[in-house]
PDB file of N, CA and C in Angstrom:
ATOM      1  N   MET A   1       0.852  -1.168  -0.003  1.00  0.00           N
ATOM      2  CA  MET A   1       0.006   0.002   0.004  1.00  0.00           C
ATOM      3  C   MET A   1       0.890   1.230  -0.009  1.00  0.00           C
ATOM      4  N   LYS A   2       0.620   2.154  -0.865  1.00  0.00           N
ATOM      5  CA  LYS A   2       1.385   3.390  -0.944  1.00  0.00           C
ATOM      6  C   LYS A   2       0.817   4.403   0.035  1.00  0.00           C
ATOM      7  N   ARG A   3       1.701   4.984   0.819  1.00  0.00           N
ATOM      8  CA  ARG A   3       1.290   6.019   1.765  1.00  0.00           C
ATOM      9  C   ARG A   3       1.476   7.382   1.103  1.00  0.00           C
ATOM     10  N   PHE A   4       0.516   8.252   1.313  1.00  0.00           N
ATOM     11  CA  PHE A   4       0.574   9.554   0.715  1.00  0.00           C
ATOM     12  C   PHE A   4       0.838  10.635   1.753  1.00  0.00           C
ATOM     13  N   THR A   5       1.297  10.235   2.916  1.00  0.00           N
ATOM     14  CA  THR A   5       1.675  11.179   3.954  1.00  0.00           C
ATOM     15  C   THR A   5       3.173  11.038   4.199  1.00  0.00           C
ATOM     16  N   GLU A   6       3.786  12.125   4.577  1.00  0.00           N
ATOM     17  CA  GLU A   6       5.219  12.115   4.824  1.00  0.00           C
ATOM     18  C   GLU A   6       5.504  11.589   6.230  1.00  0.00           C
ATOM     19  N   ASN A   7       6.444  10.670   6.343  1.00  0.00           N
ATOM     20  CA  ASN A   7       6.834  10.125   7.632  1.00  0.00           C
ATOM     21  C   ASN A   7       7.820  11.114   8.255  1.00  0.00           C
ATOM     22  N   LYS A   8       7.393  11.834   9.267  1.00  0.00           N
ATOM     23  CA  LYS A   8       8.228  12.895   9.860  1.00  0.00           C
ATOM     24  C   LYS A   8       9.021  12.414  11.075  1.00  0.00           C
ATOM     25  N   HIS A   9       8.943  11.123  11.359  1.00  0.00           N
ATOM     26  CA  HIS A   9       9.705  10.572  12.481  1.00  0.00           C
ATOM     27  C   HIS A   9      11.168  10.484  12.118  1.00  0.00           C
ATOM     28  N   GLU A  10      11.992  10.489  13.144  1.00  0.00           N
ATOM     29  CA  GLU A  10      13.433  10.339  12.959  1.00  0.00           C
ATOM     30  C   GLU A  10      13.753   8.903  12.586  1.00  0.00           C
ATOM     31  N   ARG A  11      14.659   8.722  11.646  1.00  0.00           N
ATOM     32  CA  ARG A  11      15.112   7.369  11.276  1.00  0.00           C
ATOM     33  C   ARG A  11      16.075   6.876  12.359  1.00  0.00           C
ATOM     34  N   LYS A  12      15.816   5.660  12.867  1.00  0.00           N
ATOM     35  CA  LYS A  12      16.646   5.115  13.945  1.00  0.00           C
ATOM     36  C   LYS A  12      17.328   3.838  13.495  1.00  0.00           C
ATOM     37  N   ILE A  13      18.539   3.646  14.006  1.00  0.00           N
ATOM     38  CA  ILE A  13      19.345   2.470  13.701  1.00  0.00           C
ATOM     39  C   ILE A  13      19.796   1.861  15.014  1.00  0.00           C
ATOM     40  N   ILE A  14      19.394   0.583  15.258  1.00  0.00           N
ATOM     41  CA  ILE A  14      19.744  -0.097  16.496  1.00  0.00           C
ATOM     42  C   ILE A  14      20.004  -1.579  16.229  1.00  0.00           C
ATOM     43  N   SER A  15      20.702  -2.223  17.164  1.00  0.00           N
ATOM     44  CA  SER A  15      20.893  -3.663  17.099  1.00  0.00           C
ATOM     45  C   SER A  15      19.627  -4.337  17.617  1.00  0.00           C
ATOM     46  N   ALA A  16      19.226  -5.441  16.946  1.00  0.00           N
ATOM     47  CA  ALA A  16      17.994  -6.100  17.322  1.00  0.00           C
ATOM     48  C   ALA A  16      18.070  -7.598  17.080  1.00  0.00           C
ATOM     49  N   LYS A  17      17.182  -8.288  17.757  1.00  0.00           N
ATOM     50  CA  LYS A  17      17.001  -9.741  17.570  1.00  0.00           C
ATOM     51  C   LYS A  17      15.535  -9.994  17.259  1.00  0.00           C
ATOM     52  N   LEU A  18      15.287 -10.763  16.198  1.00  0.00           N
ATOM     53  CA  LEU A  18      13.906 -11.117  15.840  1.00  0.00           C
ATOM     54  C   LEU A  18      13.438 -12.206  16.822  1.00  0.00           C
ATOM     55  N   ILE A  19      12.441 -11.885  17.621  1.00  0.00           N
ATOM     56  CA  ILE A  19      11.990 -12.825  18.671  1.00  0.00           C
ATOM     57  C   ILE A  19      10.659 -13.491  18.351  1.00  0.00           C
ATOM     58  N   GLU A  20       9.915 -12.943  17.391  1.00  0.00           N
ATOM     59  CA  GLU A  20       8.616 -13.542  17.074  1.00  0.00           C
ATOM     60  C   GLU A  20       8.155 -13.128  15.695  1.00  0.00           C
ATOM     61  N   LYS A  21       7.470 -14.069  15.029  1.00  0.00           N
ATOM     62  CA  LYS A  21       6.832 -13.817  13.744  1.00  0.00           C
ATOM     63  C   LYS A  21       5.353 -14.136  13.927  1.00  0.00           C
ATOM     64  N   LYS A  22       4.465 -13.210  13.520  1.00  0.00           N
ATOM     65  CA  LYS A  22       3.022 -13.429  13.677  1.00  0.00           C
ATOM     66  C   LYS A  22       2.349 -13.286  12.319  1.00  0.00           C
ATOM     67  N   ALA A  23       1.419 -14.187  12.035  1.00  0.00           N
ATOM     68  CA  ALA A  23       0.569 -14.090  10.865  1.00  0.00           C
ATOM     69  C   ALA A  23      -0.878 -14.248  11.349  1.00  0.00           C
ATOM     70  N   ALA A  24      -1.748 -13.388  10.853  1.00  0.00           N
ATOM     71  CA  ALA A  24      -3.133 -13.424  11.302  1.00  0.00           C
ATOM     72  C   ALA A  24      -4.070 -13.069  10.161  1.00  0.00           C
ATOM     73  N   ASP A  25      -5.306 -13.556  10.264  1.00  0.00           N
ATOM     74  CA  ASP A  25      -6.348 -13.184   9.304  1.00  0.00           C
ATOM     75  C   ASP A  25      -6.922 -11.840   9.690  1.00  0.00           C
ATOM     76  N   TYR A  26      -7.231 -11.022   8.682  1.00  0.00           N
ATOM     77  CA  TYR A  26      -7.788  -9.708   8.925  1.00  0.00           C
ATOM     78  C   TYR A  26      -8.975  -9.507   8.002  1.00  0.00           C
ATOM     79  N   PHE A  27     -10.115  -9.187   8.586  1.00  0.00           N
ATOM     80  CA  PHE A  27     -11.320  -8.886   7.818  1.00  0.00           C
ATOM     81  C   PHE A  27     -11.502  -7.366   7.828  1.00  0.00           C
ATOM     82  N   SER A  28     -11.222  -6.733   6.698  1.00  0.00           N
ATOM     83  CA  SER A  28     -11.277  -5.256   6.657  1.00  0.00           C
ATOM     84  C   SER A  28     -12.686  -4.740   6.874  1.00  0.00           C
ATOM     85  N   ILE A  29     -13.699  -5.476   6.387  1.00  0.00           N
ATOM     86  CA  ILE A  29     -15.083  -5.139   6.633  1.00  0.00           C
ATOM     87  C   ILE A  29     -15.750  -6.402   7.155  1.00  0.00           C
ATOM     88  N   PRO A  30     -15.879  -6.520   8.493  1.00  0.00           N
ATOM     89  CA  PRO A  30     -16.449  -7.750   9.062  1.00  0.00           C
ATOM     90  C   PRO A  30     -17.792  -8.098   8.447  1.00  0.00           C
ATOM     91  N   GLY A  31     -17.905  -9.357   8.034  1.00  0.00           N
ATOM     92  CA  GLY A  31     -19.158  -9.852   7.490  1.00  0.00           C
ATOM     93  C   GLY A  31     -19.358  -9.578   6.028  1.00  0.00           C
ATOM     94  N   LYS A  32     -18.562  -8.737   5.395  1.00  0.00           N
ATOM     95  CA  LYS A  32     -18.772  -8.377   4.003  1.00  0.00           C
ATOM     96  C   LYS A  32     -17.849  -9.154   3.035  1.00  0.00           C
ATOM     97  N   ILE A  33     -16.677  -9.512   3.501  1.00  0.00           N
ATOM     98  CA  ILE A  33     -15.719 -10.207   2.644  1.00  0.00           C
ATOM     99  C   ILE A  33     -15.567 -11.644   3.153  1.00  0.00           C
ATOM    100  N   PRO A  34     -15.885 -12.650   2.327  1.00  0.00           N
ATOM    101  CA  PRO A  34     -15.829 -14.029   2.818  1.00  0.00           C
ATOM    102  C   PRO A  34     -14.423 -14.550   3.082  1.00  0.00           C
ATOM    103  N   THR A  35     -13.410 -13.995   2.411  1.00  0.00           N
ATOM    104  CA  THR A  35     -12.054 -14.452   2.659  1.00  0.00           C
ATOM    105  C   THR A  35     -11.233 -13.320   3.253  1.00  0.00           C
ATOM    106  N   PRO A  36     -10.510 -13.609   4.316  1.00  0.00           N
ATOM    107  CA  PRO A  36      -9.730 -12.558   4.980  1.00  0.00           C
ATOM    108  C   PRO A  36      -8.412 -12.250   4.243  1.00  0.00           C
ATOM    109  N   GLU A  37      -7.852 -11.112   4.537  1.00  0.00           N
ATOM    110  CA  GLU A  37      -6.517 -10.781   4.091  1.00  0.00           C
ATOM    111  C   GLU A  37      -5.552 -11.276   5.151  1.00  0.00           C
ATOM    112  N   GLN A  38      -4.314 -11.551   4.774  1.00  0.00           N
ATOM    113  CA  GLN A  38      -3.305 -11.950   5.750  1.00  0.00           C
ATOM    114  C   GLN A  38      -2.516 -10.752   6.203  1.00  0.00           C
ATOM    115  N   LEU A  39      -2.276 -10.645   7.480  1.00  0.00           N
ATOM    116  CA  LEU A  39      -1.399  -9.636   8.049  1.00  0.00           C
ATOM    117  C   LEU A  39      -0.155 -10.325   8.584  1.00  0.00           C
ATOM    118  N   TYR A  40       1.006  -9.739   8.367  1.00  0.00           N
ATOM    119  CA  TYR A  40       2.259 -10.309   8.817  1.00  0.00           C
ATOM    120  C   TYR A  40       2.970  -9.308   9.711  1.00  0.00           C
ATOM    121  N   GLU A  41       3.503  -9.774  10.819  1.00  0.00           N
ATOM    122  CA  GLU A  41       4.158  -8.897  11.771  1.00  0.00           C
ATOM    123  C   GLU A  41       5.450  -9.531  12.270  1.00  0.00           C
ATOM    124  N   LEU A  42       6.493  -8.702  12.395  1.00  0.00           N
ATOM    125  CA  LEU A  42       7.764  -9.121  12.958  1.00  0.00           C
ATOM    126  C   LEU A  42       7.973  -8.384  14.270  1.00  0.00           C
ATOM    127  N   VAL A  43       8.427  -9.122  15.304  1.00  0.00           N
ATOM    128  CA  VAL A  43       8.623  -8.538  16.633  1.00  0.00           C
ATOM    129  C   VAL A  43      10.107  -8.634  16.975  1.00  0.00           C
ATOM    130  N   PHE A  44      10.708  -7.501  17.333  1.00  0.00           N
ATOM    131  CA  PHE A  44      12.121  -7.418  17.623  1.00  0.00           C
ATOM    132  C   PHE A  44      12.375  -7.029  19.073  1.00  0.00           C
ATOM    133  N   GLU A  45      13.464  -7.575  19.636  1.00  0.00           N
ATOM    134  CA  GLU A  45      13.909  -7.197  20.963  1.00  0.00           C
ATOM    135  C   GLU A  45      15.172  -6.344  20.773  1.00  0.00           C
ATOM    136  N   THR A  46      15.182  -5.173  21.428  1.00  0.00           N
ATOM    137  CA  THR A  46      16.324  -4.269  21.336  1.00  0.00           C
ATOM    138  C   THR A  46      16.671  -3.761  22.728  1.00  0.00           C
ATOM    139  N   ALA A  47      17.777  -3.024  22.836  1.00  0.00           N
ATOM    140  CA  ALA A  47      18.153  -2.423  24.120  1.00  0.00           C
ATOM    141  C   ALA A  47      17.128  -1.340  24.532  1.00  0.00           C
ATOM    142  N   GLU A  48      16.385  -0.834  23.561  1.00  0.00           N
ATOM    143  CA  GLU A  48      15.390   0.199  23.838  1.00  0.00           C
ATOM    144  C   GLU A  48      14.005  -0.361  24.096  1.00  0.00           C
ATOM    145  N   GLY A  49      13.846  -1.677  23.995  1.00  0.00           N
ATOM    146  CA  GLY A  49      12.546  -2.314  24.238  1.00  0.00           C
ATOM    147  C   GLY A  49      12.127  -3.199  23.079  1.00  0.00           C
ATOM    148  N   ILE A  50      10.847  -3.576  23.104  1.00  0.00           N
ATOM    149  CA  ILE A  50      10.280  -4.456  22.075  1.00  0.00           C
ATOM    150  C   ILE A  50       9.625  -3.585  21.007  1.00  0.00           C
ATOM    151  N   PHE A  51       9.894  -3.920  19.736  1.00  0.00           N
ATOM    152  CA  PHE A  51       9.313  -3.202  18.595  1.00  0.00           C
ATOM    153  C   PHE A  51       8.653  -4.209  17.672  1.00  0.00           C
ATOM    154  N   SER A  52       7.496  -3.862  17.142  1.00  0.00           N
ATOM    155  CA  SER A  52       6.851  -4.728  16.139  1.00  0.00           C
ATOM    156  C   SER A  52       6.466  -3.907  14.935  1.00  0.00           C
ATOM    157  N   PHE A  53       6.534  -4.574  13.762  1.00  0.00           N
ATOM    158  CA  PHE A  53       6.270  -3.914  12.494  1.00  0.00           C
ATOM    159  C   PHE A  53       5.434  -4.819  11.606  1.00  0.00           C
ATOM    160  N   GLU A  54       4.456  -4.226  10.944  1.00  0.00           N
ATOM    161  CA  GLU A  54       3.680  -4.940   9.942  1.00  0.00           C
ATOM    162  C   GLU A  54       4.522  -4.964   8.663  1.00  0.00           C
ATOM    163  N   VAL A  55       4.642  -6.151   8.061  1.00  0.00           N
ATOM    164  CA  VAL A  55       5.491  -6.308   6.879  1.00  0.00           C
ATOM    165  C   VAL A  55       4.783  -7.071   5.778  1.00  0.00           C
ATOM    166  N   SER A  56       5.400  -7.101   4.609  1.00  0.00           N
ATOM    167  CA  SER A  56       4.844  -7.865   3.478  1.00  0.00           C
ATOM    168  C   SER A  56       5.112  -9.355   3.681  1.00  0.00           C
ATOM    169  N   VAL A  57       4.438 -10.189   2.922  1.00  0.00           N
ATOM    170  CA  VAL A  57       4.654 -11.631   3.003  1.00  0.00           C
ATOM    171  C   VAL A  57       6.105 -11.981   2.633  1.00  0.00           C
ATOM    172  N   PHE A  58       6.676 -11.257   1.671  1.00  0.00           N
ATOM    173  CA  PHE A  58       8.068 -11.490   1.281  1.00  0.00           C
ATOM    174  C   PHE A  58       9.013 -11.232   2.444  1.00  0.00           C
ATOM    175  N   GLU A  59       8.853 -10.061   3.095  1.00  0.00           N
ATOM    176  CA  GLU A  59       9.731  -9.727   4.220  1.00  0.00           C
ATOM    177  C   GLU A  59       9.533 -10.729   5.359  1.00  0.00           C
ATOM    178  N   TYR A  60       8.316 -11.162   5.582  1.00  0.00           N
ATOM    179  CA  TYR A  60       7.993 -12.127   6.613  1.00  0.00           C
ATOM    180  C   TYR A  60       8.723 -13.456   6.384  1.00  0.00           C
ATOM    181  N   ASN A  61       8.701 -13.910   5.141  1.00  0.00           N
ATOM    182  CA  ASN A  61       9.263 -15.232   4.804  1.00  0.00           C
ATOM    183  C   ASN A  61      10.775 -15.241   4.671  1.00  0.00           C
ATOM    184  N   ILE A  62      11.406 -14.093   4.488  1.00  0.00           N
ATOM    185  CA  ILE A  62      12.837 -14.077   4.239  1.00  0.00           C
ATOM    186  C   ILE A  62      13.672 -14.065   5.519  1.00  0.00           C
ATOM    187  N   VAL A  63      13.048 -13.836   6.656  1.00  0.00           N
ATOM    188  CA  VAL A  63      13.780 -13.823   7.933  1.00  0.00           C
ATOM    189  C   VAL A  63      13.317 -14.967   8.831  1.00  0.00           C
ATOM    190  N   GLU A  64      14.186 -15.333   9.770  1.00  0.00           N
ATOM    191  CA  GLU A  64      13.871 -16.422  10.687  1.00  0.00           C
ATOM    192  C   GLU A  64      13.986 -15.952  12.138  1.00  0.00           C
ATOM    193  N   LYS A  65      13.139 -16.509  12.959  1.00  0.00           N
ATOM    194  CA  LYS A  65      13.175 -16.211  14.387  1.00  0.00           C
ATOM    195  C   LYS A  65      14.559 -16.503  14.935  1.00  0.00           C
ATOM    196  N   GLY A  66      15.068 -15.585  15.758  1.00  0.00           N
ATOM    197  CA  GLY A  66      16.399 -15.762  16.332  1.00  0.00           C
ATOM    198  C   GLY A  66      17.491 -14.988  15.601  1.00  0.00           C
ATOM    199  N   MET A  67      17.187 -14.493  14.407  1.00  0.00           N
ATOM    200  CA  MET A  67      18.187 -13.725  13.641  1.00  0.00           C
ATOM    201  C   MET A  67      18.508 -12.428  14.389  1.00  0.00           C
ATOM    202  N   GLU A  68      19.756 -12.004  14.273  1.00  0.00           N
ATOM    203  CA  GLU A  68      20.203 -10.760  14.881  1.00  0.00           C
ATOM    204  C   GLU A  68      20.845  -9.883  13.814  1.00  0.00           C
ATOM    205  N   GLY A  69      20.721  -8.585  14.001  1.00  0.00           N
ATOM    206  CA  GLY A  69      21.331  -7.676  13.042  1.00  0.00           C
ATOM    207  C   GLY A  69      20.943  -6.236  13.314  1.00  0.00           C
ATOM    208  N   THR A  70      21.279  -5.369  12.393  1.00  0.00           N
ATOM    209  CA  THR A  70      20.963  -3.955  12.519  1.00  0.00           C
ATOM    210  C   THR A  70      19.553  -3.711  12.016  1.00  0.00           C
ATOM    211  N   LEU A  71      18.743  -3.067  12.850  1.00  0.00           N
ATOM    212  CA  LEU A  71      17.367  -2.738  12.531  1.00  0.00           C
ATOM    213  C   LEU A  71      17.304  -1.229  12.237  1.00  0.00           C
ATOM    214  N   VAL A  72      16.743  -0.892  11.085  1.00  0.00           N
ATOM    215  CA  VAL A  72      16.535   0.505  10.715  1.00  0.00           C
ATOM    216  C   VAL A  72      15.036   0.711  10.567  1.00  0.00           C
ATOM    217  N   TYR A  73      14.505   1.698  11.281  1.00  0.00           N
ATOM    218  CA  TYR A  73      13.081   1.974  11.202  1.00  0.00           C
ATOM    219  C   TYR A  73      12.830   3.467  11.319  1.00  0.00           C
ATOM    220  N   GLN A  74      11.665   3.872  10.880  1.00  0.00           N
ATOM    221  CA  GLN A  74      11.253   5.258  10.957  1.00  0.00           C
ATOM    222  C   GLN A  74       9.784   5.279  11.349  1.00  0.00           C
ATOM    223  N   GLY A  75       9.503   5.721  12.589  1.00  0.00           N
ATOM    224  CA  GLY A  75       8.141   5.665  13.081  1.00  0.00           C
ATOM    225  C   GLY A  75       7.690   4.219  13.178  1.00  0.00           C
ATOM    226  N   CYS A  76       6.596   3.889  12.492  1.00  0.00           N
ATOM    227  CA  CYS A  76       6.085   2.510  12.526  1.00  0.00           C
ATOM    228  C   CYS A  76       6.498   1.721  11.276  1.00  0.00           C
ATOM    229  N   LYS A  77       7.422   2.263  10.477  1.00  0.00           N
ATOM    230  CA  LYS A  77       7.831   1.608   9.243  1.00  0.00           C
ATOM    231  C   LYS A  77       9.222   0.944   9.388  1.00  0.00           C
ATOM    232  N   LEU A  78       9.279  -0.337   9.128  1.00  0.00           N
ATOM    233  CA  LEU A  78      10.536  -1.073   9.088  1.00  0.00           C
ATOM    234  C   LEU A  78      11.208  -0.736   7.759  1.00  0.00           C
ATOM    235  N   ILE A  79      12.431  -0.277   7.817  1.00  0.00           N
ATOM    236  CA  ILE A  79      13.159   0.079   6.603  1.00  0.00           C
ATOM    237  C   ILE A  79      14.119  -1.031   6.182  1.00  0.00           C
ATOM    238  N   SER A  80      14.887  -1.554   7.144  1.00  0.00           N
ATOM    239  CA  SER A  80      15.775  -2.678   6.824  1.00  0.00           C
ATOM    240  C   SER A  80      16.117  -3.458   8.091  1.00  0.00           C
ATOM    241  N   PHE A  81      16.507  -4.709   7.896  1.00  0.00           N
ATOM    242  CA  PHE A  81      16.956  -5.551   8.991  1.00  0.00           C
ATOM    243  C   PHE A  81      18.013  -6.505   8.489  1.00  0.00           C
ATOM    244  N   ALA A  82      19.142  -6.534   9.212  1.00  0.00           N
ATOM    245  CA  ALA A  82      20.266  -7.405   8.902  1.00  0.00           C
ATOM    246  C   ALA A  82      20.617  -7.279   7.418  1.00  0.00           C
ATOM    247  N   ASP A  83      20.909  -8.399   6.781  1.00  0.00           N
ATOM    248  CA  ASP A  83      21.219  -8.337   5.335  1.00  0.00           C
ATOM    249  C   ASP A  83      20.068  -8.929   4.532  1.00  0.00           C
ATOM    250  N   ARG A  84      18.901  -9.059   5.150  1.00  0.00           N
ATOM    251  CA  ARG A  84      17.754  -9.679   4.490  1.00  0.00           C
ATOM    252  C   ARG A  84      16.705  -8.716   3.962  1.00  0.00           C
ATOM    253  N   ILE A  85      16.320  -7.742   4.777  1.00  0.00           N
ATOM    254  CA  ILE A  85      15.309  -6.775   4.375  1.00  0.00           C
ATOM    255  C   ILE A  85      16.025  -5.462   4.087  1.00  0.00           C
ATOM    256  N   LYS A  86      15.842  -4.949   2.886  1.00  0.00           N
ATOM    257  CA  LYS A  86      16.529  -3.734   2.452  1.00  0.00           C
ATOM    258  C   LYS A  86      15.541  -2.675   2.005  1.00  0.00           C
ATOM    259  N   ASP A  87      15.917  -1.418   2.187  1.00  0.00           N
ATOM    260  CA  ASP A  87      15.127  -0.296   1.702  1.00  0.00           C
ATOM    261  C   ASP A  87      15.352  -0.213   0.178  1.00  0.00           C
ATOM    262  N   VAL A  88      14.268  -0.267  -0.568  1.00  0.00           N
ATOM    263  CA  VAL A  88      14.395  -0.248  -2.026  1.00  0.00           C
ATOM    264  C   VAL A  88      14.010   1.080  -2.652  1.00  0.00           C
ATOM    265  N   HIS A  89      13.799   2.090  -1.848  1.00  0.00           N
ATOM    266  CA  HIS A  89      13.385   3.406  -2.368  1.00  0.00           C
ATOM    267  C   HIS A  89      14.572   4.259  -2.664  1.00  0.00           C
TER     268      HIS A  89
END
């Protein structure tokens, strides 16, 4: 999904460990759509606390629980992690 608002948060770079991967069904309009959309979330542990980000199915599948590396994020957007998820903009 393309966002049409500017992310004004500061870009942060920290060391992180992927501690959980979550996939869930999401009904955008309850009762109207017979098949749900999938939501994917990655949860990271850092020295600053726990952070979670909604990601694409590709980003979800390319990383494994327990991986460690540099996490780059801006606000609620994951920009890159380790050598697996890269910013393509």
